[in-house]
Protein backbone atom coordinates (compact mmCIF):
# COMPACT_ATOMS: atom_id res chain seq x y z
CA MET A 1 64.52 -107.63 -12.37
CA LYS A 2 64.00 -104.02 -12.23
CA SER A 3 63.34 -102.72 -8.82
CA GLY A 4 59.90 -101.04 -9.80
CA ASP A 5 58.54 -104.52 -10.99
CA GLN A 6 56.04 -106.02 -8.78
CA VAL A 7 56.42 -109.83 -8.49
CA ASN A 8 53.34 -111.66 -7.48
CA ILE A 9 53.98 -114.91 -5.72
CA THR A 10 51.15 -117.39 -4.83
CA ILE A 11 51.77 -120.37 -2.81
CA ILE A 12 49.01 -122.83 -3.22
CA SER A 13 49.41 -125.79 -0.76
CA VAL A 14 47.10 -128.77 0.33
CA GLY A 15 45.94 -128.51 3.88
CA LYS A 16 45.88 -126.10 6.76
CA ILE A 17 48.80 -125.28 9.01
CA LYS A 18 47.81 -125.76 12.49
CA GLU A 19 51.05 -125.52 14.46
CA LYS A 20 51.77 -122.14 16.09
CA TYR A 21 55.66 -122.49 15.42
CA LEU A 22 55.17 -122.86 11.70
CA LYS A 23 52.74 -120.15 11.56
CA ASN A 24 55.10 -117.81 13.34
CA ALA A 25 57.82 -118.81 10.72
CA ILE A 26 55.59 -118.13 7.80
CA GLY A 27 54.41 -114.70 9.44
CA GLU A 28 58.15 -113.88 9.69
CA TYR A 29 59.11 -114.74 6.24
CA SER A 30 55.89 -113.15 4.80
CA LYS A 31 56.78 -109.88 6.73
CA ARG A 32 60.43 -109.98 5.36
CA LEU A 33 59.31 -110.89 1.73
CA SER A 34 56.76 -107.82 1.76
CA ARG A 35 59.70 -105.60 0.58
CA TYR A 36 60.08 -107.59 -2.42
CA CYS A 37 57.06 -108.91 -3.65
CA LYS A 38 53.19 -109.49 -3.18
CA LEU A 39 52.60 -112.87 -1.36
CA ASN A 40 49.50 -114.76 -1.55
CA PHE A 41 48.49 -117.75 0.13
CA VAL A 42 45.98 -120.23 -1.09
CA GLU A 43 45.24 -123.51 0.94
CA VAL A 44 43.29 -126.23 -0.69
CA SER A 45 41.44 -128.73 1.36
CA ASP A 46 43.39 -132.07 2.04
CA GLU A 47 41.39 -135.25 1.57
CA LYS A 48 41.44 -137.89 4.42
CA ALA A 49 43.91 -140.46 3.69
CA PRO A 50 43.84 -143.50 5.60
CA GLU A 51 46.79 -145.88 6.07
CA ASN A 52 47.08 -148.69 3.43
CA LEU A 53 45.51 -147.05 0.28
CA SER A 54 45.24 -148.86 -2.86
CA ASP A 55 46.85 -147.22 -5.94
CA THR A 56 43.47 -146.28 -7.13
CA GLU A 57 42.31 -144.69 -3.86
CA MET A 58 45.72 -142.67 -3.66
CA LYS A 59 45.16 -141.47 -7.11
CA SER A 60 41.67 -140.27 -6.44
CA ILE A 61 42.66 -138.57 -3.57
CA LYS A 62 45.40 -136.72 -5.60
CA ASP A 63 43.17 -135.86 -8.36
CA LYS A 64 40.51 -134.44 -5.77
CA GLU A 65 43.32 -132.23 -4.36
CA GLY A 66 44.56 -131.34 -7.78
CA GLU A 67 41.29 -130.05 -8.82
CA GLY A 68 41.36 -127.73 -6.00
CA ILE A 69 44.95 -126.70 -6.96
CA LEU A 70 44.18 -126.08 -10.43
CA LYS A 71 40.99 -123.94 -9.83
CA ASN A 72 43.42 -121.50 -8.04
CA ILE A 73 45.94 -121.07 -10.92
CA LYS A 74 45.28 -117.70 -12.68
CA GLU A 75 45.90 -117.74 -16.56
CA GLY A 76 49.33 -116.62 -17.48
CA SER A 77 50.93 -117.52 -14.17
CA HIS A 78 54.30 -119.29 -14.26
CA VAL A 79 53.74 -122.67 -12.31
CA ILE A 80 56.54 -124.13 -10.27
CA ALA A 81 55.44 -127.56 -8.71
CA LEU A 82 57.57 -128.90 -5.62
CA ASP A 83 57.91 -132.39 -6.67
CA ILE A 84 60.46 -134.99 -5.33
CA GLN A 85 61.30 -136.12 -8.96
CA GLY A 86 61.95 -132.38 -10.00
CA LYS A 87 65.19 -130.64 -10.53
CA MET A 88 67.57 -129.90 -7.55
CA ILE A 89 69.23 -126.44 -8.10
CA SER A 90 71.54 -124.44 -5.75
CA SER A 91 70.20 -121.28 -4.12
CA GLU A 92 72.12 -118.93 -6.44
CA ASP A 93 70.37 -121.03 -9.41
CA PHE A 94 66.90 -120.47 -7.63
CA ALA A 95 67.74 -116.73 -7.36
CA LYS A 96 68.49 -116.65 -11.16
CA LYS A 97 65.47 -118.34 -12.06
CA LEU A 98 63.35 -116.02 -10.23
CA ASN A 99 65.28 -113.17 -11.80
CA SER A 100 64.89 -114.47 -15.30
CA LEU A 101 61.15 -114.78 -14.83
CA GLY A 102 60.77 -111.40 -13.78
CA ILE A 103 63.00 -109.99 -16.84
CA GLN A 104 60.85 -112.27 -19.18
CA GLY A 105 57.65 -110.49 -17.68
CA ARG A 106 56.29 -113.60 -15.89
CA SER A 107 55.70 -111.58 -12.72
CA ASN A 108 52.93 -114.18 -11.48
CA ILE A 109 54.65 -117.03 -9.97
CA VAL A 110 52.72 -120.00 -8.58
CA PHE A 111 54.38 -122.32 -6.26
CA ILE A 112 52.52 -125.58 -5.55
CA ILE A 113 53.00 -127.63 -2.48
CA GLY A 114 51.16 -131.04 -2.75
CA GLY A 115 49.51 -132.95 0.18
CA SER A 116 50.98 -136.02 2.05
CA LEU A 117 50.52 -138.14 -0.95
CA GLY A 118 52.20 -135.82 -3.38
CA ILE A 119 50.67 -133.84 -6.41
CA SER A 120 48.30 -135.35 -9.12
CA LYS A 121 49.46 -135.91 -12.83
CA ASN A 122 47.07 -133.08 -13.97
CA VAL A 123 49.04 -130.42 -11.74
CA LEU A 124 52.38 -131.77 -12.70
CA SER A 125 51.46 -131.50 -16.51
CA ARG A 126 50.44 -127.83 -15.82
CA ALA A 127 53.64 -127.02 -13.91
CA ASP A 128 56.14 -125.09 -16.21
CA TYR A 129 58.97 -126.31 -13.80
CA LYS A 130 59.24 -129.17 -11.32
CA LEU A 131 61.63 -128.29 -8.42
CA SER A 132 63.09 -130.61 -5.87
CA PHE A 133 64.56 -129.54 -2.67
CA SER A 134 65.83 -132.90 -1.76
CA PRO A 135 65.17 -136.51 -2.47
CA MET A 136 64.15 -136.57 1.27
CA THR A 137 60.55 -136.16 1.97
CA PHE A 138 59.41 -133.18 4.24
CA PRO A 139 55.94 -132.69 5.85
CA HIS A 140 54.09 -130.35 3.43
CA GLN A 141 53.58 -127.89 6.27
CA LEU A 142 57.17 -127.56 6.80
CA MET A 143 57.91 -127.27 3.07
CA LYS A 144 56.07 -123.94 2.96
CA VAL A 145 58.64 -122.37 5.53
CA ILE A 146 61.71 -123.89 3.76
CA LEU A 147 60.18 -122.64 0.54
CA LEU A 148 59.52 -118.92 1.68
CA GLU A 149 63.18 -119.00 3.13
CA GLN A 150 64.46 -119.94 -0.30
CA VAL A 151 62.33 -117.13 -2.20
CA TYR A 152 63.34 -114.76 0.54
CA ARG A 153 67.12 -115.68 0.26
CA GLY A 154 66.64 -115.62 -3.70
CA PHE A 155 65.59 -111.98 -3.47
CA ARG A 156 68.27 -111.03 -1.18
CA ILE A 157 70.96 -112.84 -3.64
CA ASN A 158 69.45 -110.91 -6.75
CA ARG A 159 69.71 -107.43 -5.00
CA GLY A 160 73.28 -108.13 -3.61
CA GLU A 161 72.16 -107.97 -0.03
CA PRO A 162 73.78 -109.53 2.77
CA TYR A 163 71.99 -112.74 4.17
CA HIS A 164 73.41 -115.41 1.63
CA LYS A 165 76.14 -117.48 3.12
């Protein structure tokens, strides 16, 4: 990616971050990333999900959250959904992916972090790429921090800057 190119990264996530330590980490990575890209956060309301939901109720909640997500995806954006069923790649390959999107002129990248029940089928079908960080499940609030760290690491790798070990 040429250094003059402005990459716009939007992270659309379900639910608000309430924990101060997570807000601090997000703030720190946002500050670090400001040298490399324009970062935008969109928080979509999470639906109340009581225990013991039927499959129909789970689908309904994911669909409602999905509508909120889809409304916030701008035309022409390259959408990467974080999905446990997605492809697992190394930090280096993630950096290459970010770089190749920039070379292709895809400077609007949207990452989607679903709610506690996951991401709706409609959102997954809109995604250009499905990325998995692990077969493990993480709290979606913590996933935002992990994603920001990997995006930051990716920019550092692509610029040949020290950080990556």
